[in-house]
Amino acid sequence: MKYRISEIEVSEDDIFKNDKLESREVVEFLANHICKVNAPYVVAIDAPYGNGKNDLSQDASGTY
């Protein structure tokens, strides 16, 4: 049997409105860093299953 957690709705007006993981500080740091880099590079987000890696990346992509 497979279970799938429903996606978190990210509001365009306030991307942190439903941020249950309180990731604003990390997302803003990551987004600011990415905006300053000119060369191609890779960002690795390493955390155990269920720690919000997908949510973090979705919040970061909607920041800028």
C-alpha atoms as a PDB file:
ATOM      1  CA  MET A   1       0.000   0.000   0.000  1.00  0.00           C
ATOM      2  CA  LYS A   2       1.326   3.433  -0.886  1.00  0.00           C
ATOM      3  CA  TYR A   3       0.645   6.613   0.990  1.00  0.00           C
ATOM      4  CA  ARG A   4       1.216  10.091  -0.335  1.00  0.00           C
ATOM      5  CA  ILE A   5       1.133  13.223   1.757  1.00  0.00           C
ATOM      6  CA  SER A   6      -0.771  16.020   0.060  1.00  0.00           C
ATOM      7  CA  GLU A   7       1.326  18.921  -1.189  1.00  0.00           C
ATOM      8  CA  ILE A   8       1.538  22.050   0.916  1.00  0.00           C
ATOM      9  CA  GLU A   9      -0.148  25.032  -0.670  1.00  0.00           C
ATOM     10  CA  VAL A  10       2.336  27.865  -1.200  1.00  0.00           C
ATOM     11  CA  SER A  11       0.634  31.247  -1.450  1.00  0.00           C
ATOM     12  CA  GLU A  12       2.118  33.680  -3.971  1.00  0.00           C
ATOM     13  CA  ASP A  13       1.373  36.558  -1.582  1.00  0.00           C
ATOM     14  CA  ASP A  14       3.161  34.993   1.401  1.00  0.00           C
ATOM     15  CA  ILE A  15       5.189  31.856   0.669  1.00  0.00           C
ATOM     16  CA  PHE A  16       5.748  31.278   4.390  1.00  0.00           C
ATOM     17  CA  LYS A  17       2.051  31.373   5.313  1.00  0.00           C
ATOM     18  CA  ASN A  18       1.840  27.577   5.750  1.00  0.00           C
ATOM     19  CA  ASP A  19       5.469  27.084   6.800  1.00  0.00           C
ATOM     20  CA  LYS A  20       5.088  24.544   9.595  1.00  0.00           C
ATOM     21  CA  LEU A  21       8.841  23.841   9.609  1.00  0.00           C
ATOM     22  CA  GLU A  22       9.751  27.496  10.243  1.00  0.00           C
ATOM     23  CA  SER A  23      12.254  27.481   7.403  1.00  0.00           C
ATOM     24  CA  ARG A  24      12.116  31.191   6.485  1.00  0.00           C
ATOM     25  CA  GLU A  25      15.662  31.937   7.697  1.00  0.00           C
ATOM     26  CA  VAL A  26      17.184  28.990   5.816  1.00  0.00           C
ATOM     27  CA  VAL A  27      15.179  29.682   2.644  1.00  0.00           C
ATOM     28  CA  GLU A  28      16.125  33.372   2.602  1.00  0.00           C
ATOM     29  CA  PHE A  29      19.816  32.557   3.178  1.00  0.00           C
ATOM     30  CA  LEU A  30      19.825  29.933   0.432  1.00  0.00           C
ATOM     31  CA  ALA A  31      17.935  32.125  -2.048  1.00  0.00           C
ATOM     32  CA  ASN A  32      20.216  35.119  -1.404  1.00  0.00           C
ATOM     33  CA  HIS A  33      23.319  32.955  -1.847  1.00  0.00           C
ATOM     34  CA  ILE A  34      22.039  31.443  -5.102  1.00  0.00           C
ATOM     35  CA  CYS A  35      21.238  34.891  -6.516  1.00  0.00           C
ATOM     36  CA  LYS A  36      24.834  36.071  -5.893  1.00  0.00           C
ATOM     37  CA  VAL A  37      26.625  33.185  -7.650  1.00  0.00           C
ATOM     38  CA  ASN A  38      27.432  33.638 -11.339  1.00  0.00           C
ATOM     39  CA  ALA A  39      28.948  30.284 -12.281  1.00  0.00           C
ATOM     40  CA  PRO A  40      27.037  26.998 -12.599  1.00  0.00           C
ATOM     41  CA  TYR A  41      27.076  25.024  -9.351  1.00  0.00           C
ATOM     42  CA  VAL A  42      25.207  22.357  -7.404  1.00  0.00           C
ATOM     43  CA  VAL A  43      23.382  22.750  -4.100  1.00  0.00           C
ATOM     44  CA  ALA A  44      22.890  19.622  -1.993  1.00  0.00           C
ATOM     45  CA  ILE A  45      20.193  19.568   0.667  1.00  0.00           C
ATOM     46  CA  ASP A  46      20.871  16.608   2.950  1.00  0.00           C
ATOM     47  CA  ALA A  47      18.407  15.596   5.638  1.00  0.00           C
ATOM     48  CA  PRO A  48      16.599  12.449   6.778  1.00  0.00           C
ATOM     49  CA  TYR A  49      13.295  11.410   5.215  1.00  0.00           C
ATOM     50  CA  GLY A  50      10.421  13.646   6.282  1.00  0.00           C
ATOM     51  CA  ASN A  51      12.501  16.679   7.291  1.00  0.00           C
ATOM     52  CA  GLY A  52      11.096  18.978   4.599  1.00  0.00           C
ATOM     53  CA  LYS A  53      13.664  18.962   1.789  1.00  0.00           C
ATOM     54  CA  ASN A  54      10.977  19.281  -0.885  1.00  0.00           C
ATOM     55  CA  ASP A  55       9.140  21.994   1.024  1.00  0.00           C
ATOM     56  CA  LEU A  56      12.395  23.890   1.495  1.00  0.00           C
ATOM     57  CA  SER A  57      13.209  23.762  -2.213  1.00  0.00           C
ATOM     58  CA  GLN A  58       9.672  24.806  -3.181  1.00  0.00           C
ATOM     59  CA  ASP A  59       9.805  27.760  -0.786  1.00  0.00           C
ATOM     60  CA  ALA A  60      13.238  28.764  -2.093  1.00  0.00           C
ATOM     61  CA  SER A  61      12.127  28.611  -5.721  1.00  0.00           C
ATOM     62  CA  GLY A  62       9.195  30.925  -4.979  1.00  0.00           C
ATOM     63  CA  THR A  63      11.271  33.467  -3.051  1.00  0.00           C
ATOM     64  CA  TYR A  64      12.851  35.273  -6.001  1.00  0.00           C
END
